Amino acid sequence: EIAEVTGVQTCALPICGIKVSPFNWGIQDGKFAVCCFMLEELTTTRADREKYYSGKDDLFRVHRNIMEICAKSDISLLLTLCDGLVWESMKVEDGKKRVNYYLRDIYGDPENYPNTYMVPLGDVISYADTCIFAHPLVTYLLTLQWNLFGQRMFVTYQSMWLTAAILYFIAFTVVDRDFDTASGNTQHRDDAGFAMRVFATSF
């Protein structure tokens, strides 16, 4: 499994019967400038007479945790990788440029990442510097996920929490308590109030 792009061999090289990654070599030796060069070369889109191509598919196939590696090592690696996953057209039409974001490998496909909390973007949130969230690729991905399902999930869970809080409040201060002008508030042990509190807690 060797990906070769403009003379740069990376991903996996067969050595003594095993496959070793030059990219991981560079990370372990702290040669981040070399690793940035590898990422730039692999994610650059090129073309021949038949098709457009780049090495990003091989990069993510061999290094499934590439986002975690870059986030833990150096922010420049992560920024370089994100830059390589964005394509901008040279043409400007009506003051706008066409931009393509290549999100498939970092979106968190359920077929490859069954645990929704262990996805490439989760690694970025856990380990990376906050400046990465100003990158257009990350901003677009977060906005896309928020519009597709994040907003709906947030409203659903907040509604459940608010309903439980209201039920608990009513059970404790209305159903389970009486007011008398002589003695003031009197707390009872009303079964209905207790049942409402139990339901609100388990809700």
N, C-alpha and C. Protein backbone atom coordinates (compact mmCIF):
# COMPACT_ATOMS: atom_id res chain seq x y z
N GLU A 1 0.84 -1.18 0.00
CA GLU A 1 0.00 0.00 0.00
C GLU A 1 0.88 1.23 0.00
N ILE A 2 1.31 1.63 -1.16
CA ILE A 2 2.20 2.78 -1.27
C ILE A 2 1.50 3.84 -2.11
N ALA A 3 1.45 5.05 -1.58
CA ALA A 3 0.91 6.16 -2.34
C ALA A 3 2.07 7.04 -2.77
N GLU A 4 2.20 7.28 -4.05
CA GLU A 4 3.32 8.08 -4.56
C GLU A 4 2.74 9.26 -5.32
N VAL A 5 3.03 10.46 -4.85
CA VAL A 5 2.54 11.68 -5.47
C VAL A 5 3.72 12.61 -5.66
N THR A 6 4.03 12.92 -6.89
CA THR A 6 5.12 13.82 -7.25
C THR A 6 6.41 13.48 -6.51
N GLY A 7 6.75 12.22 -6.48
CA GLY A 7 8.01 11.83 -5.88
C GLY A 7 7.98 11.62 -4.39
N VAL A 8 6.88 11.96 -3.72
CA VAL A 8 6.80 11.79 -2.28
C VAL A 8 6.08 10.48 -1.99
N GLN A 9 6.80 9.55 -1.38
CA GLN A 9 6.19 8.28 -0.99
C GLN A 9 5.83 8.36 0.48
N THR A 10 4.58 8.09 0.76
CA THR A 10 4.14 8.13 2.14
C THR A 10 3.07 7.10 2.34
N CYS A 11 2.41 7.14 3.45
CA CYS A 11 1.37 6.19 3.85
C CYS A 11 2.01 4.92 4.36
N ALA A 12 2.52 4.02 3.50
CA ALA A 12 3.08 2.77 4.00
C ALA A 12 4.13 2.24 3.05
N LEU A 13 5.31 1.96 3.59
CA LEU A 13 6.40 1.39 2.80
C LEU A 13 6.75 0.01 3.36
N PRO A 14 6.91 -1.00 2.47
CA PRO A 14 7.27 -2.34 2.96
C PRO A 14 8.75 -2.40 3.32
N ILE A 15 9.03 -2.65 4.61
CA ILE A 15 10.41 -2.74 5.08
C ILE A 15 10.53 -3.98 5.97
N CYS A 16 11.40 -4.91 5.56
CA CYS A 16 11.64 -6.14 6.33
C CYS A 16 10.34 -6.89 6.62
N GLY A 17 9.47 -6.91 5.65
CA GLY A 17 8.23 -7.67 5.81
C GLY A 17 7.12 -6.94 6.52
N ILE A 18 7.36 -5.72 6.99
CA ILE A 18 6.30 -4.94 7.63
C ILE A 18 6.15 -3.62 6.88
N LYS A 19 5.06 -2.94 7.13
CA LYS A 19 4.80 -1.67 6.46
C LYS A 19 4.96 -0.54 7.46
N VAL A 20 5.81 0.41 7.10
CA VAL A 20 6.17 1.51 7.98
C VAL A 20 5.79 2.82 7.30
N SER A 21 5.32 3.76 8.09
CA SER A 21 4.89 5.05 7.56
C SER A 21 5.98 6.10 7.71
N PRO A 22 6.48 6.67 6.61
CA PRO A 22 7.43 7.78 6.70
C PRO A 22 6.84 8.98 7.43
N PHE A 23 5.53 9.16 7.31
CA PHE A 23 4.87 10.27 8.01
C PHE A 23 5.00 10.10 9.52
N ASN A 24 4.76 8.87 9.99
CA ASN A 24 4.92 8.62 11.42
C ASN A 24 6.38 8.75 11.86
N TRP A 25 7.30 8.39 10.99
CA TRP A 25 8.72 8.60 11.29
C TRP A 25 8.98 10.08 11.56
N GLY A 26 8.48 10.90 10.66
CA GLY A 26 8.69 12.34 10.82
C GLY A 26 8.07 12.87 12.11
N ILE A 27 6.89 12.38 12.45
CA ILE A 27 6.22 12.82 13.68
C ILE A 27 7.06 12.43 14.90
N GLN A 28 7.53 11.20 14.93
CA GLN A 28 8.31 10.71 16.07
C GLN A 28 9.63 11.46 16.23
N ASP A 29 10.21 11.89 15.10
CA ASP A 29 11.48 12.61 15.15
C ASP A 29 11.29 14.12 15.31
N GLY A 30 10.04 14.58 15.34
CA GLY A 30 9.78 16.00 15.49
C GLY A 30 10.06 16.82 14.25
N LYS A 31 10.12 16.17 13.08
CA LYS A 31 10.38 16.89 11.83
C LYS A 31 9.05 17.33 11.23
N PHE A 32 8.44 18.33 11.87
CA PHE A 32 7.09 18.75 11.47
C PHE A 32 7.08 19.47 10.13
N ALA A 33 8.18 20.15 9.79
CA ALA A 33 8.25 20.82 8.49
C ALA A 33 8.21 19.80 7.35
N VAL A 34 8.91 18.68 7.53
CA VAL A 34 8.88 17.61 6.53
C VAL A 34 7.49 17.01 6.43
N CYS A 35 6.86 16.80 7.58
CA CYS A 35 5.50 16.24 7.58
C CYS A 35 4.51 17.18 6.92
N CYS A 36 4.68 18.48 7.14
CA CYS A 36 3.82 19.46 6.46
C CYS A 36 3.99 19.38 4.95
N PHE A 37 5.25 19.22 4.52
CA PHE A 37 5.50 19.08 3.09
C PHE A 37 4.81 17.84 2.53
N MET A 38 4.87 16.73 3.26
CA MET A 38 4.18 15.51 2.82
C MET A 38 2.68 15.75 2.69
N LEU A 39 2.10 16.39 3.69
CA LEU A 39 0.66 16.65 3.65
C LEU A 39 0.28 17.56 2.49
N GLU A 40 1.09 18.59 2.24
CA GLU A 40 0.82 19.49 1.12
C GLU A 40 0.86 18.74 -0.20
N GLU A 41 1.87 17.88 -0.38
CA GLU A 41 2.01 17.15 -1.62
C GLU A 41 0.88 16.14 -1.81
N LEU A 42 0.51 15.48 -0.74
CA LEU A 42 -0.51 14.43 -0.85
C LEU A 42 -1.90 14.99 -1.07
N THR A 43 -2.17 16.16 -0.53
CA THR A 43 -3.52 16.72 -0.65
C THR A 43 -3.66 17.70 -1.82
N THR A 44 -2.59 17.91 -2.56
CA THR A 44 -2.67 18.78 -3.74
C THR A 44 -3.38 18.05 -4.87
N THR A 45 -4.35 18.70 -5.46
CA THR A 45 -5.09 18.11 -6.58
C THR A 45 -4.34 18.34 -7.87
N ARG A 46 -4.08 17.25 -8.59
CA ARG A 46 -3.38 17.32 -9.86
C ARG A 46 -4.23 16.66 -10.93
N ALA A 47 -3.79 16.76 -12.16
CA ALA A 47 -4.57 16.21 -13.26
C ALA A 47 -3.66 15.70 -14.36
N ASP A 48 -4.11 14.62 -14.99
CA ASP A 48 -3.49 14.20 -16.24
C ASP A 48 -4.57 14.26 -17.32
N ARG A 49 -4.36 13.58 -18.40
CA ARG A 49 -5.33 13.67 -19.51
C ARG A 49 -6.59 12.86 -19.25
N GLU A 50 -6.62 12.09 -18.17
CA GLU A 50 -7.78 11.24 -17.90
C GLU A 50 -8.58 11.66 -16.68
N LYS A 51 -7.92 12.14 -15.63
CA LYS A 51 -8.67 12.41 -14.41
C LYS A 51 -7.90 13.35 -13.49
N TYR A 52 -8.61 13.84 -12.47
CA TYR A 52 -7.99 14.56 -11.36
C TYR A 52 -7.67 13.55 -10.25
N TYR A 53 -6.60 13.80 -9.54
CA TYR A 53 -6.23 12.85 -8.49
C TYR A 53 -5.43 13.56 -7.39
N SER A 54 -5.42 12.94 -6.22
CA SER A 54 -4.56 13.35 -5.11
C SER A 54 -4.37 12.13 -4.21
N GLY A 55 -3.53 12.27 -3.20
CA GLY A 55 -3.25 11.14 -2.33
C GLY A 55 -4.03 11.14 -1.03
N LYS A 56 -5.05 12.00 -0.92
CA LYS A 56 -5.76 12.10 0.35
C LYS A 56 -6.50 10.81 0.70
N ASP A 57 -7.01 10.11 -0.30
CA ASP A 57 -7.73 8.87 0.00
C ASP A 57 -6.80 7.83 0.61
N ASP A 58 -5.59 7.68 0.06
CA ASP A 58 -4.62 6.76 0.62
C ASP A 58 -4.16 7.21 2.00
N LEU A 59 -4.03 8.51 2.18
CA LEU A 59 -3.59 9.04 3.47
C LEU A 59 -4.57 8.66 4.57
N PHE A 60 -5.86 8.86 4.33
CA PHE A 60 -6.87 8.54 5.34
C PHE A 60 -7.12 7.04 5.45
N ARG A 61 -6.85 6.30 4.38
CA ARG A 61 -7.04 4.86 4.44
C ARG A 61 -6.00 4.21 5.33
N VAL A 62 -4.76 4.66 5.23
CA VAL A 62 -3.68 4.08 6.03
C VAL A 62 -3.64 4.71 7.43
N HIS A 63 -3.82 6.03 7.50
CA HIS A 63 -3.79 6.74 8.78
C HIS A 63 -5.22 7.17 9.13
N ARG A 64 -6.00 6.25 9.63
CA ARG A 64 -7.38 6.58 9.97
C ARG A 64 -7.45 7.60 11.11
N ASN A 65 -6.41 7.68 11.92
CA ASN A 65 -6.39 8.63 13.03
C ASN A 65 -5.49 9.82 12.72
N ILE A 66 -5.42 10.21 11.45
CA ILE A 66 -4.53 11.28 11.04
C ILE A 66 -4.86 12.60 11.73
N MET A 67 -6.16 12.86 11.99
CA MET A 67 -6.54 14.09 12.67
C MET A 67 -6.03 14.09 14.10
N GLU A 68 -6.10 12.97 14.76
CA GLU A 68 -5.59 12.87 16.13
C GLU A 68 -4.08 13.03 16.17
N ILE A 69 -3.39 12.41 15.20
CA ILE A 69 -1.93 12.51 15.14
C ILE A 69 -1.51 13.97 14.99
N CYS A 70 -2.15 14.66 14.06
CA CYS A 70 -1.80 16.07 13.81
C CYS A 70 -2.17 16.96 14.99
N ALA A 71 -3.34 16.71 15.59
CA ALA A 71 -3.79 17.54 16.70
C ALA A 71 -2.87 17.40 17.90
N LYS A 72 -2.40 16.18 18.17
CA LYS A 72 -1.52 15.95 19.32
C LYS A 72 -0.11 16.44 19.07
N SER A 73 0.32 16.48 17.82
CA SER A 73 1.72 16.77 17.51
C SER A 73 1.99 18.26 17.37
N ASP A 74 1.36 18.90 16.39
CA ASP A 74 1.64 20.31 16.13
C ASP A 74 0.48 20.91 15.36
N ILE A 75 0.08 22.12 15.74
CA ILE A 75 -1.08 22.75 15.12
C ILE A 75 -0.85 23.04 13.64
N SER A 76 0.41 23.24 13.25
CA SER A 76 0.72 23.52 11.84
C SER A 76 0.36 22.33 10.96
N LEU A 77 0.52 21.12 11.49
CA LEU A 77 0.15 19.93 10.72
C LEU A 77 -1.35 19.89 10.47
N LEU A 78 -2.11 20.19 11.51
CA LEU A 78 -3.56 20.16 11.38
C LEU A 78 -4.06 21.24 10.43
N LEU A 79 -3.48 22.42 10.52
CA LEU A 79 -3.87 23.51 9.61
C LEU A 79 -3.50 23.16 8.17
N THR A 80 -2.34 22.55 7.98
CA THR A 80 -1.92 22.15 6.63
C THR A 80 -2.86 21.10 6.06
N LEU A 81 -3.24 20.14 6.89
CA LEU A 81 -4.18 19.11 6.44
C LEU A 81 -5.53 19.71 6.08
N CYS A 82 -6.03 20.61 6.90
CA CYS A 82 -7.32 21.26 6.62
C CYS A 82 -7.24 22.10 5.35
N ASP A 83 -6.11 22.79 5.16
CA ASP A 83 -5.93 23.57 3.92
C ASP A 83 -5.97 22.65 2.69
N GLY A 84 -5.39 21.46 2.83
CA GLY A 84 -5.36 20.54 1.70
C GLY A 84 -6.72 19.95 1.36
N LEU A 85 -7.66 20.01 2.31
CA LEU A 85 -9.00 19.48 2.07
C LEU A 85 -9.97 20.55 1.57
N VAL A 86 -9.42 21.70 1.21
CA VAL A 86 -10.23 22.79 0.65
C VAL A 86 -9.70 23.14 -0.72
N TRP A 87 -10.58 23.20 -1.70
CA TRP A 87 -10.20 23.60 -3.06
C TRP A 87 -10.94 24.88 -3.41
N GLU A 88 -10.19 25.87 -3.91
CA GLU A 88 -10.77 27.15 -4.30
C GLU A 88 -10.56 27.36 -5.79
N SER A 89 -11.60 27.79 -6.45
CA SER A 89 -11.51 28.10 -7.87
C SER A 89 -10.73 29.39 -8.08
N MET A 90 -10.03 29.48 -9.19
CA MET A 90 -9.30 30.70 -9.52
C MET A 90 -10.21 31.79 -10.07
N LYS A 91 -11.39 31.39 -10.51
CA LYS A 91 -12.31 32.35 -11.10
C LYS A 91 -13.14 33.04 -10.03
N VAL A 92 -13.38 34.32 -10.24
CA VAL A 92 -14.23 35.10 -9.36
C VAL A 92 -15.44 35.56 -10.16
N GLU A 93 -16.61 35.16 -9.72
CA GLU A 93 -17.85 35.51 -10.40
C GLU A 93 -18.76 36.24 -9.43
N ASP A 94 -19.11 37.45 -9.78
CA ASP A 94 -19.95 38.29 -8.91
C ASP A 94 -19.37 38.43 -7.52
N GLY A 95 -18.04 38.55 -7.45
CA GLY A 95 -17.38 38.71 -6.17
C GLY A 95 -17.30 37.45 -5.34
N LYS A 96 -17.57 36.28 -5.95
CA LYS A 96 -17.58 35.02 -5.21
C LYS A 96 -16.69 34.00 -5.90
N LYS A 97 -16.15 33.08 -5.10
CA LYS A 97 -15.36 31.96 -5.61
C LYS A 97 -16.06 30.65 -5.28
N ARG A 98 -15.92 29.70 -6.16
CA ARG A 98 -16.42 28.37 -5.87
C ARG A 98 -15.41 27.65 -4.98
N VAL A 99 -15.91 27.02 -3.92
CA VAL A 99 -15.05 26.32 -2.96
C VAL A 99 -15.60 24.91 -2.76
N ASN A 100 -14.72 23.92 -2.81
CA ASN A 100 -15.09 22.54 -2.50
C ASN A 100 -14.45 22.14 -1.17
N TYR A 101 -15.26 21.56 -0.28
CA TYR A 101 -14.75 21.03 0.98
C TYR A 101 -14.81 19.50 0.92
N TYR A 102 -13.69 18.85 1.16
CA TYR A 102 -13.64 17.39 1.12
C TYR A 102 -13.78 16.87 2.55
N LEU A 103 -15.02 16.53 2.91
CA LEU A 103 -15.36 16.24 4.30
C LEU A 103 -15.58 14.76 4.58
N ARG A 104 -15.58 13.93 3.55
CA ARG A 104 -15.98 12.54 3.74
C ARG A 104 -15.17 11.84 4.83
N ASP A 105 -13.86 12.07 4.84
CA ASP A 105 -12.99 11.33 5.74
C ASP A 105 -12.97 11.89 7.15
N ILE A 106 -13.40 13.12 7.36
CA ILE A 106 -13.39 13.69 8.70
C ILE A 106 -14.80 13.92 9.23
N TYR A 107 -15.81 13.64 8.41
CA TYR A 107 -17.20 13.85 8.86
C TYR A 107 -17.57 12.88 9.96
N GLY A 108 -17.08 11.65 9.87
CA GLY A 108 -17.44 10.63 10.85
C GLY A 108 -18.49 9.69 10.31
N ASP A 109 -18.20 9.02 9.19
CA ASP A 109 -19.14 8.08 8.57
C ASP A 109 -19.47 6.97 9.56
N PRO A 110 -20.77 6.72 9.85
CA PRO A 110 -21.13 5.67 10.81
C PRO A 110 -20.62 4.29 10.42
N GLU A 111 -20.38 4.04 9.13
CA GLU A 111 -19.87 2.73 8.72
C GLU A 111 -18.43 2.53 9.20
N ASN A 112 -17.67 3.61 9.30
CA ASN A 112 -16.28 3.52 9.75
C ASN A 112 -16.12 3.87 11.23
N TYR A 113 -17.04 4.67 11.76
CA TYR A 113 -16.96 5.12 13.15
C TYR A 113 -18.29 4.84 13.85
N PRO A 114 -18.48 3.62 14.36
CA PRO A 114 -19.75 3.29 15.01
C PRO A 114 -20.01 4.11 16.27
N ASN A 115 -18.95 4.53 16.96
CA ASN A 115 -19.10 5.37 18.14
C ASN A 115 -19.08 6.83 17.70
N THR A 116 -20.22 7.51 17.84
CA THR A 116 -20.33 8.89 17.35
C THR A 116 -19.45 9.87 18.10
N TYR A 117 -18.97 9.47 19.29
CA TYR A 117 -18.10 10.35 20.06
C TYR A 117 -16.62 10.15 19.73
N MET A 118 -16.31 9.10 18.97
CA MET A 118 -14.93 8.82 18.58
C MET A 118 -14.78 8.98 17.07
N VAL A 119 -14.89 10.22 16.62
CA VAL A 119 -14.78 10.58 15.21
C VAL A 119 -13.62 11.56 15.06
N PRO A 120 -13.12 11.77 13.84
CA PRO A 120 -11.98 12.68 13.67
C PRO A 120 -12.20 14.07 14.26
N LEU A 121 -13.41 14.61 14.13
CA LEU A 121 -13.66 15.94 14.69
C LEU A 121 -13.60 15.91 16.21
N GLY A 122 -13.96 14.79 16.81
CA GLY A 122 -13.84 14.65 18.25
C GLY A 122 -12.39 14.74 18.72
N ASP A 123 -11.47 14.18 17.92
CA ASP A 123 -10.05 14.29 18.24
C ASP A 123 -9.58 15.73 18.19
N VAL A 124 -10.09 16.48 17.23
CA VAL A 124 -9.73 17.89 17.12
C VAL A 124 -10.21 18.65 18.35
N ILE A 125 -11.44 18.38 18.78
CA ILE A 125 -11.99 19.06 19.95
C ILE A 125 -11.20 18.71 21.20
N SER A 126 -10.74 17.47 21.30
CA SER A 126 -10.05 17.02 22.51
C SER A 126 -8.61 17.52 22.61
N TYR A 127 -7.91 17.59 21.47
CA TYR A 127 -6.46 17.79 21.53
C TYR A 127 -5.97 19.07 20.87
N ALA A 128 -6.72 19.63 19.96
CA ALA A 128 -6.16 20.71 19.14
C ALA A 128 -6.29 22.08 19.82
N ASP A 129 -5.49 23.00 19.31
CA ASP A 129 -5.56 24.39 19.74
C ASP A 129 -6.87 25.00 19.24
N THR A 130 -7.38 25.95 19.99
CA THR A 130 -8.68 26.55 19.65
C THR A 130 -8.65 27.31 18.33
N CYS A 131 -7.48 27.70 17.85
CA CYS A 131 -7.41 28.47 16.61
C CYS A 131 -7.87 27.65 15.41
N ILE A 132 -7.89 26.32 15.51
CA ILE A 132 -8.32 25.49 14.39
C ILE A 132 -9.79 25.70 14.09
N PHE A 133 -10.56 26.15 15.08
CA PHE A 133 -11.99 26.32 14.87
C PHE A 133 -12.32 27.57 14.06
N ALA A 134 -11.31 28.37 13.76
CA ALA A 134 -11.49 29.50 12.85
C ALA A 134 -11.22 29.10 11.41
N HIS A 135 -10.76 27.88 11.18
CA HIS A 135 -10.49 27.43 9.82
C HIS A 135 -11.80 27.21 9.07
N PRO A 136 -11.89 27.65 7.81
CA PRO A 136 -13.15 27.51 7.06
C PRO A 136 -13.68 26.08 6.97
N LEU A 137 -12.77 25.10 6.86
CA LEU A 137 -13.20 23.71 6.75
C LEU A 137 -13.91 23.25 8.02
N VAL A 138 -13.31 23.53 9.17
CA VAL A 138 -13.90 23.12 10.44
C VAL A 138 -15.19 23.89 10.70
N THR A 139 -15.19 25.18 10.38
CA THR A 139 -16.40 25.99 10.56
C THR A 139 -17.55 25.46 9.70
N TYR A 140 -17.25 25.12 8.45
CA TYR A 140 -18.28 24.60 7.56
C TYR A 140 -18.80 23.25 8.05
N LEU A 141 -17.89 22.39 8.51
CA LEU A 141 -18.29 21.07 8.98
C LEU A 141 -19.18 21.18 10.21
N LEU A 142 -18.81 22.03 11.16
CA LEU A 142 -19.63 22.20 12.36
C LEU A 142 -21.00 22.79 12.01
N THR A 143 -21.02 23.75 11.09
CA THR A 143 -22.29 24.33 10.68
C THR A 143 -23.17 23.29 9.98
N LEU A 144 -22.55 22.47 9.14
CA LEU A 144 -23.30 21.42 8.44
C LEU A 144 -23.90 20.43 9.43
N GLN A 145 -23.11 19.95 10.38
CA GLN A 145 -23.61 18.99 11.35
C GLN A 145 -24.67 19.61 12.26
N TRP A 146 -24.51 20.88 12.59
CA TRP A 146 -25.52 21.56 13.41
C TRP A 146 -26.85 21.64 12.67
N ASN A 147 -26.80 21.98 11.39
CA ASN A 147 -28.04 22.10 10.62
C ASN A 147 -28.68 20.75 10.33
N LEU A 148 -27.86 19.70 10.15
CA LEU A 148 -28.40 18.39 9.81
C LEU A 148 -29.04 17.68 11.01
N PHE A 149 -28.36 17.72 12.15
CA PHE A 149 -28.91 16.98 13.30
C PHE A 149 -28.59 17.62 14.65
N GLY A 150 -27.58 18.45 14.73
CA GLY A 150 -27.18 19.01 16.02
C GLY A 150 -28.25 19.88 16.65
N GLN A 151 -28.84 20.76 15.87
CA GLN A 151 -29.86 21.66 16.40
C GLN A 151 -31.08 20.88 16.90
N ARG A 152 -31.49 19.87 16.11
CA ARG A 152 -32.64 19.06 16.51
C ARG A 152 -32.37 18.30 17.80
N MET A 153 -31.17 17.73 17.92
CA MET A 153 -30.83 16.99 19.13
C MET A 153 -30.74 17.93 20.33
N PHE A 154 -30.17 19.12 20.13
CA PHE A 154 -30.05 20.08 21.23
C PHE A 154 -31.42 20.50 21.74
N VAL A 155 -32.33 20.84 20.83
CA VAL A 155 -33.67 21.26 21.23
C VAL A 155 -34.41 20.12 21.92
N THR A 156 -34.24 18.89 21.41
CA THR A 156 -34.92 17.73 22.00
C THR A 156 -34.47 17.50 23.44
N TYR A 157 -33.17 17.47 23.67
CA TYR A 157 -32.66 17.20 25.01
C TYR A 157 -32.93 18.35 25.96
N GLN A 158 -32.86 19.59 25.47
CA GLN A 158 -33.17 20.72 26.33
C GLN A 158 -34.65 20.73 26.71
N SER A 159 -35.50 20.33 25.78
CA SER A 159 -36.93 20.25 26.08
C SER A 159 -37.20 19.19 27.14
N MET A 160 -36.53 18.05 27.04
CA MET A 160 -36.69 16.99 28.04
C MET A 160 -36.22 17.47 29.41
N TRP A 161 -35.08 18.15 29.43
CA TRP A 161 -34.55 18.65 30.70
C TRP A 161 -35.49 19.69 31.31
N LEU A 162 -36.01 20.60 30.49
CA LEU A 162 -36.91 21.64 30.98
C LEU A 162 -38.21 21.03 31.50
N THR A 163 -38.73 20.03 30.79
CA THR A 163 -39.96 19.36 31.24
C THR A 163 -39.76 18.68 32.58
N ALA A 164 -38.62 17.99 32.74
CA ALA A 164 -38.32 17.33 34.01
C ALA A 164 -38.18 18.34 35.14
N ALA A 165 -37.54 19.48 34.86
CA ALA A 165 -37.37 20.51 35.89
C ALA A 165 -38.72 21.09 36.31
N ILE A 166 -39.60 21.33 35.35
CA ILE A 166 -40.93 21.87 35.67
C ILE A 166 -41.74 20.87 36.49
N LEU A 167 -41.70 19.59 36.09
CA LEU A 167 -42.41 18.56 36.85
C LEU A 167 -41.90 18.47 38.29
N TYR A 168 -40.59 18.51 38.46
CA TYR A 168 -40.02 18.42 39.80
C TYR A 168 -40.42 19.64 40.64
N PHE A 169 -40.42 20.81 40.02
CA PHE A 169 -40.80 22.03 40.73
C PHE A 169 -42.26 21.98 41.16
N ILE A 170 -43.14 21.57 40.25
CA ILE A 170 -44.57 21.48 40.58
C ILE A 170 -44.81 20.45 41.68
N ALA A 171 -44.14 19.30 41.58
CA ALA A 171 -44.34 18.25 42.58
C ALA A 171 -43.88 18.69 43.97
N PHE A 172 -42.80 19.47 44.03
CA PHE A 172 -42.23 19.83 45.32
C PHE A 172 -42.88 21.05 45.94
N THR A 173 -43.28 22.02 45.11
CA THR A 173 -43.78 23.29 45.64
C THR A 173 -45.29 23.47 45.53
N VAL A 174 -45.97 22.64 44.73
CA VAL A 174 -47.42 22.79 44.55
C VAL A 174 -48.17 21.57 45.10
N VAL A 175 -47.88 20.42 44.52
CA VAL A 175 -48.62 19.21 44.90
C VAL A 175 -48.31 18.80 46.34
N ASP A 176 -47.07 18.91 46.76
CA ASP A 176 -46.64 18.39 48.04
C ASP A 176 -46.62 19.45 49.15
N ARG A 177 -47.19 20.61 48.92
CA ARG A 177 -47.10 21.68 49.92
C ARG A 177 -48.41 22.44 50.00
N ASP A 178 -48.83 22.76 51.22
CA ASP A 178 -50.04 23.55 51.47
C ASP A 178 -49.65 24.84 52.20
N PHE A 179 -50.47 25.86 51.95
CA PHE A 179 -50.23 27.15 52.61
C PHE A 179 -51.39 27.46 53.52
N ASP A 180 -51.05 27.81 54.75
CA ASP A 180 -52.05 28.21 55.73
C ASP A 180 -51.63 29.54 56.32
N THR A 181 -52.60 30.46 56.46
CA THR A 181 -52.26 31.80 56.96
C THR A 181 -51.71 31.77 58.38
N ALA A 182 -52.11 30.76 59.15
CA ALA A 182 -51.65 30.70 60.54
C ALA A 182 -50.27 30.06 60.66
N SER A 183 -50.07 28.97 59.95
CA SER A 183 -48.81 28.22 60.08
C SER A 183 -47.85 28.39 58.91
N GLY A 184 -48.33 29.04 57.83
CA GLY A 184 -47.48 29.21 56.65
C GLY A 184 -47.47 27.97 55.77
N ASN A 185 -46.35 27.74 55.10
CA ASN A 185 -46.23 26.57 54.22
C ASN A 185 -46.05 25.29 55.04
N THR A 186 -46.76 24.27 54.63
CA THR A 186 -46.68 22.98 55.29
C THR A 186 -46.32 21.92 54.27
N GLN A 187 -45.22 21.21 54.51
CA GLN A 187 -44.78 20.16 53.60
C GLN A 187 -45.44 18.84 53.96
N HIS A 188 -46.02 18.17 52.97
CA HIS A 188 -46.65 16.88 53.18
C HIS A 188 -45.81 15.79 52.52
N ARG A 189 -46.24 14.59 52.71
CA ARG A 189 -45.64 13.46 52.03
C ARG A 189 -46.67 12.87 51.09
N ASP A 190 -47.04 13.67 50.13
CA ASP A 190 -48.09 13.27 49.19
C ASP A 190 -47.54 12.26 48.19
N ASP A 191 -48.26 11.18 48.00
CA ASP A 191 -47.80 10.14 47.07
C ASP A 191 -47.72 10.65 45.64
N ALA A 192 -48.67 11.51 45.26
CA ALA A 192 -48.66 12.05 43.90
C ALA A 192 -47.43 12.91 43.66
N GLY A 193 -47.09 13.76 44.65
CA GLY A 193 -45.91 14.58 44.51
C GLY A 193 -44.64 13.75 44.45
N PHE A 194 -44.57 12.71 45.29
CA PHE A 194 -43.40 11.82 45.28
C PHE A 194 -43.27 11.11 43.93
N ALA A 195 -44.41 10.64 43.40
CA ALA A 195 -44.40 9.95 42.11
C ALA A 195 -43.94 10.89 40.99
N MET A 196 -44.38 12.16 41.05
CA MET A 196 -43.96 13.12 40.03
C MET A 196 -42.47 13.40 40.11
N ARG A 197 -41.93 13.46 41.34
CA ARG A 197 -40.50 13.71 41.48
C ARG A 197 -39.68 12.52 40.97
N VAL A 198 -40.15 11.32 41.27
CA VAL A 198 -39.46 10.12 40.78
C VAL A 198 -39.49 10.08 39.25
N PHE A 199 -40.64 10.42 38.68
CA PHE A 199 -40.75 10.42 37.22
C PHE A 199 -39.85 11.48 36.61
N ALA A 200 -39.83 12.68 37.24
CA ALA A 200 -38.99 13.75 36.70
C ALA A 200 -37.52 13.39 36.77
N THR A 201 -37.11 12.72 37.86
CA THR A 201 -35.71 12.32 38.01
C THR A 201 -35.31 11.27 36.99
N SER A 202 -36.19 10.30 36.76
CA SER A 202 -35.88 9.24 35.79
C SER A 202 -36.05 9.70 34.36
N PHE A 203 -36.77 10.80 34.15
CA PHE A 203 -37.05 11.31 32.81
C PHE A 203 -35.78 11.85 32.18
